[in-house]
Protein backbone atom coordinates (compact mmCIF):
# COMPACT_ATOMS: atom_id res chain seq x y z
CA MET A 1 -42.32 -17.72 -36.14
CA ASN A 2 -46.19 -17.89 -36.44
CA ARG A 3 -48.28 -20.32 -38.48
CA ILE A 4 -49.63 -17.77 -41.04
CA LEU A 5 -46.13 -16.63 -41.89
CA MET A 6 -44.87 -20.42 -42.25
CA LYS A 7 -47.69 -21.00 -44.64
CA LYS A 8 -46.49 -18.20 -46.94
CA LEU A 9 -42.85 -19.68 -47.02
CA HIS A 10 -42.54 -21.43 -50.05
CA VAL A 11 -39.36 -23.21 -50.54
CA ALA A 12 -37.95 -23.45 -54.30
CA SER A 13 -36.56 -26.65 -55.96
CA VAL A 14 -32.86 -27.00 -55.79
CA ALA A 15 -32.77 -30.47 -56.78
CA PHE A 16 -35.02 -32.80 -58.76
CA LEU A 17 -36.73 -34.44 -55.93
CA LEU A 18 -36.36 -32.70 -52.76
CA GLY A 19 -34.75 -29.82 -54.13
CA LEU A 20 -38.47 -30.63 -55.36
CA LEU A 21 -39.60 -31.67 -52.20
CA LEU A 22 -39.17 -28.15 -50.50
CA SER A 23 -40.46 -26.28 -53.41
CA GLY A 24 -43.76 -24.64 -53.93
CA SER A 25 -45.36 -21.73 -55.63
CA ALA A 26 -46.86 -18.84 -54.20
CA SER A 27 -50.59 -18.67 -54.55
CA ALA A 28 -53.75 -18.14 -52.85
CA GLU A 29 -54.79 -21.95 -52.89
CA ALA A 30 -52.05 -22.46 -50.57
CA GLU A 31 -53.94 -20.76 -47.78
CA LYS A 32 -57.16 -23.04 -48.53
CA ARG A 33 -55.43 -26.30 -48.24
CA PRO A 34 -57.05 -28.89 -45.78
CA LYS A 35 -54.98 -30.61 -43.67
CA ILE A 36 -54.04 -34.07 -45.39
CA GLU A 37 -54.26 -37.24 -43.51
CA LYS A 38 -51.94 -40.19 -44.03
CA ALA A 39 -53.51 -43.27 -46.15
CA SER A 40 -53.60 -46.53 -44.40
CA ALA A 41 -53.31 -48.33 -47.77
CA VAL A 42 -52.49 -47.90 -51.49
CA ASN A 43 -55.00 -48.50 -54.13
CA LEU A 44 -54.27 -46.40 -57.12
CA GLY A 45 -56.93 -47.87 -59.24
CA GLU A 46 -59.58 -46.07 -57.45
CA GLN A 47 -57.73 -42.48 -57.73
CA VAL A 48 -58.34 -39.52 -59.60
CA SER A 49 -55.03 -38.29 -60.90
CA GLU A 50 -55.92 -34.38 -60.89
CA ARG A 51 -56.63 -34.35 -56.94
CA ARG A 52 -54.46 -34.29 -54.24
CA ASP A 53 -53.46 -37.61 -53.69
CA LYS A 54 -53.98 -38.68 -49.86
CA GLU A 55 -51.97 -41.89 -50.72
CA ILE A 56 -48.73 -40.51 -51.16
CA GLU A 57 -46.91 -41.02 -47.97
CA ILE A 58 -44.44 -38.44 -46.54
CA ARG A 59 -42.30 -38.60 -43.34
CA VAL A 60 -40.15 -35.79 -42.17
CA GLN A 61 -37.61 -35.35 -39.33
CA ASN A 62 -36.35 -31.73 -38.98
CA ASP A 63 -34.29 -31.18 -35.78
CA GLY A 64 -33.48 -27.76 -37.04
CA GLU A 65 -29.98 -28.42 -38.48
CA ARG A 66 -30.70 -31.47 -40.63
CA ILE A 67 -33.99 -32.55 -42.60
CA LEU A 68 -34.75 -36.10 -43.52
CA VAL A 69 -37.30 -36.67 -45.91
CA TYR A 70 -38.85 -40.12 -46.81
CA ALA A 71 -41.72 -40.43 -49.66
CA THR A 72 -43.49 -43.31 -51.00
CA PHE A 73 -46.31 -43.63 -53.85
CA VAL A 74 -47.71 -45.85 -56.35
CA VAL A 75 -48.13 -44.97 -59.94
CA PRO A 76 -50.23 -46.70 -62.40
CA VAL A 77 -47.38 -46.93 -65.14
CA GLY A 78 -44.56 -49.36 -65.58
CA PRO A 79 -40.97 -48.51 -64.33
CA GLN A 80 -39.63 -47.47 -67.80
CA GLN A 81 -42.78 -44.85 -67.97
CA ALA A 82 -42.18 -43.50 -64.49
CA TRP A 83 -38.32 -43.49 -65.23
CA ALA A 84 -38.96 -41.11 -68.26
CA VAL A 85 -40.34 -38.52 -65.98
CA LEU A 86 -37.91 -38.68 -63.13
CA THR A 87 -34.81 -38.06 -65.58
CA ASP A 88 -36.44 -35.66 -67.83
CA PHE A 89 -34.04 -33.26 -66.13
CA ASP A 90 -34.38 -30.54 -68.98
CA ASN A 91 -38.22 -30.54 -69.02
CA ILE A 92 -38.84 -30.03 -65.21
CA PRO A 93 -39.97 -26.60 -65.15
CA ASN A 94 -42.93 -27.70 -67.67
CA PHE A 95 -44.34 -29.90 -64.90
CA ILE A 96 -42.96 -28.87 -61.61
CA SER A 97 -43.85 -25.41 -59.79
CA GLY A 98 -41.11 -23.46 -58.44
CA VAL A 99 -38.59 -24.52 -60.84
CA GLN A 100 -37.17 -21.75 -63.16
CA SER A 101 -34.65 -23.84 -65.24
CA SER A 102 -33.01 -27.21 -65.09
CA LYS A 103 -30.54 -28.35 -67.78
CA VAL A 104 -28.23 -31.44 -68.19
CA THR A 105 -24.88 -29.43 -68.31
CA SER A 106 -22.43 -32.19 -68.80
CA GLY A 107 -21.85 -36.05 -68.58
CA THR A 108 -22.50 -39.08 -70.79
CA GLY A 109 -24.53 -42.25 -70.27
CA ASN A 110 -25.79 -43.00 -66.71
CA ASN A 111 -23.39 -40.07 -65.11
CA LEU A 112 -24.58 -36.66 -65.45
CA GLN A 113 -24.46 -33.13 -63.83
CA VAL A 114 -27.67 -31.23 -63.71
CA SER A 115 -27.80 -27.29 -63.26
CA GLN A 116 -31.05 -26.04 -61.68
CA ARG A 117 -32.65 -22.68 -60.65
CA GLY A 118 -35.59 -21.74 -58.43
CA VAL A 119 -36.82 -18.97 -55.98
CA THR A 120 -38.50 -19.14 -52.55
CA GLN A 121 -40.61 -16.46 -51.13
CA PHE A 122 -41.00 -15.62 -47.44
CA GLY A 123 -43.40 -12.64 -46.81
CA PHE A 124 -42.42 -9.54 -49.03
CA PHE A 125 -38.77 -11.32 -49.38
CA THR A 126 -37.45 -13.35 -52.38
CA PHE A 127 -34.47 -15.91 -52.09
CA SER A 128 -33.13 -17.38 -55.41
CA PHE A 129 -31.62 -21.03 -55.44
CA ASP A 130 -28.87 -22.45 -57.43
CA SER A 131 -27.70 -25.81 -57.44
CA VAL A 132 -25.25 -28.21 -59.42
CA ARG A 133 -25.82 -32.01 -58.87
CA GLU A 134 -24.04 -34.97 -59.88
CA VAL A 135 -26.67 -37.47 -60.76
CA ASN A 136 -25.93 -41.46 -61.07
CA LEU A 137 -28.47 -43.66 -62.90
CA SER A 138 -29.11 -47.28 -62.49
CA PRO A 139 -31.90 -47.77 -65.28
CA PHE A 140 -34.70 -48.40 -64.47
CA ASN A 141 -34.13 -49.05 -60.75
CA LYS A 142 -32.32 -46.24 -58.89
CA ILE A 143 -31.37 -42.53 -59.05
CA GLN A 144 -28.83 -41.23 -56.81
CA GLU A 145 -28.07 -37.54 -56.43
CA ARG A 146 -25.72 -35.34 -54.70
CA MET A 147 -25.20 -31.46 -54.69
CA ILE A 148 -21.71 -30.60 -55.64
CA SER A 149 -22.61 -26.66 -55.60
CA GLY A 150 -25.29 -24.43 -54.57
CA ASN A 151 -27.05 -22.72 -51.50
CA MET A 152 -27.71 -25.56 -49.61
CA ARG A 153 -24.83 -27.07 -47.47
CA LYS A 154 -25.56 -30.64 -48.02
CA MET A 155 -28.11 -32.52 -50.15
CA GLU A 156 -28.12 -36.12 -50.97
CA GLU A 157 -31.03 -38.08 -52.56
CA THR A 158 -31.98 -41.51 -53.51
CA THR A 159 -34.76 -42.76 -55.55
CA ILE A 160 -35.73 -46.29 -56.15
CA LEU A 161 -38.34 -47.79 -58.55
CA LEU A 162 -40.01 -50.82 -57.66
CA PRO A 163 -42.40 -52.89 -60.07
CA GLU A 164 -45.66 -53.85 -58.58
CA GLY A 165 -47.79 -55.65 -61.13
CA ASN A 166 -48.65 -52.99 -63.90
CA GLN A 167 -47.55 -50.32 -61.60
CA THR A 168 -44.67 -48.90 -59.98
CA ARG A 169 -43.70 -47.73 -56.32
CA ILE A 170 -41.46 -44.88 -56.20
CA ALA A 171 -39.55 -44.93 -53.01
CA TYR A 172 -37.34 -41.72 -52.05
CA GLN A 173 -35.34 -40.41 -49.40
CA ALA A 174 -33.40 -37.36 -48.85
CA ASP A 175 -30.84 -36.15 -46.32
CA ILE A 176 -30.60 -32.15 -46.19
CA VAL A 177 -28.57 -29.58 -44.41
CA PRO A 178 -30.04 -26.14 -45.59
CA GLY A 179 -27.96 -23.32 -46.14
CA LEU A 180 -30.38 -20.54 -45.12
CA TRP A 181 -31.61 -20.37 -41.75
CA ILE A 182 -35.41 -20.10 -42.55
CA LEU A 183 -35.47 -23.50 -44.17
CA ARG A 184 -33.99 -25.10 -40.84
CA PHE A 185 -37.39 -23.61 -38.87
CA ALA A 186 -39.65 -24.74 -41.51
CA GLY A 187 -42.48 -27.02 -39.67
CA GLN A 188 -42.87 -30.49 -39.95
CA PHE A 189 -46.38 -30.23 -41.19
CA PHE A 190 -45.46 -27.48 -43.81
CA ILE A 191 -42.61 -29.50 -45.26
CA GLU A 192 -44.93 -32.38 -45.55
CA ASN A 193 -47.83 -30.78 -47.27
CA GLU A 194 -45.35 -29.08 -50.02
CA ALA A 195 -43.43 -32.23 -50.47
CA ARG A 196 -46.73 -33.89 -51.08
CA GLU A 197 -47.89 -31.29 -53.68
CA GLN A 198 -44.78 -31.60 -55.72
CA PHE A 199 -44.81 -35.58 -55.83
CA GLN A 200 -48.55 -34.98 -56.78
CA GLN A 201 -47.34 -32.86 -59.59
CA ILE A 202 -44.60 -35.76 -60.58
CA LYS A 203 -47.18 -38.47 -60.38
CA ASN A 204 -49.67 -36.31 -62.53
CA GLU A 205 -47.05 -35.92 -65.22
CA MET A 206 -46.34 -39.76 -65.24
CA ILE A 207 -50.17 -40.60 -65.61
CA ARG A 208 -50.50 -37.81 -68.34
CA ARG A 209 -47.76 -39.57 -70.29
CA GLY A 210 -48.94 -42.65 -69.55
CA LYS A 211 -52.45 -42.13 -71.23
CA ILE A 212 -50.91 -40.41 -74.33
CA LEU A 213 -48.89 -43.74 -74.88
CA ALA A 214 -52.01 -46.18 -74.26
CA SER A 215 -54.39 -43.83 -76.44
CA PRO A 216 -54.98 -45.26 -80.00
CA ARG A 217 -52.93 -43.80 -82.80
């Protein structure tokens, strides 16, 4: 599978984070993206929220059967504001590209079931993705998600929120066994690049809402 075709593989979101992590929307901009270098330090105060954030650190392990993803970034809002975005399941399609629908279908309190639908495109072929996930919330500290039905053979995710002064560090990890063979051969650079793009969208939404809350009435 050549590099040009791999760049056209846009994996849809089937879970909020690395359902989100493997998601991406088809656009000409994808062909123009420069290679993103890992940042050696985190200094959110000097970042412009709308540009691609090199300080979103991503690590991917893909042995052709199992994909492990680790991510971390700092956002200049408090844990409760970051939590509000991460758990806004019904509105995910409004700020995450590639997600067609997302809805809390059952559950009360801190135990929920969330149904999501997205699409992925490879060349001229389009595949749809559906998932139902069990979500366990520990406000405002941890989100644990497990796919109970859907196109993936396995998907388990953990997101932890760590306060750092007046900012919040988001630490994420996912353990995925893809259901489609095409995802098993997605290159590490491609997955890292697409994951970074999706986390950037999440971070931008956190910053956007934080500015609204901070603005004078």
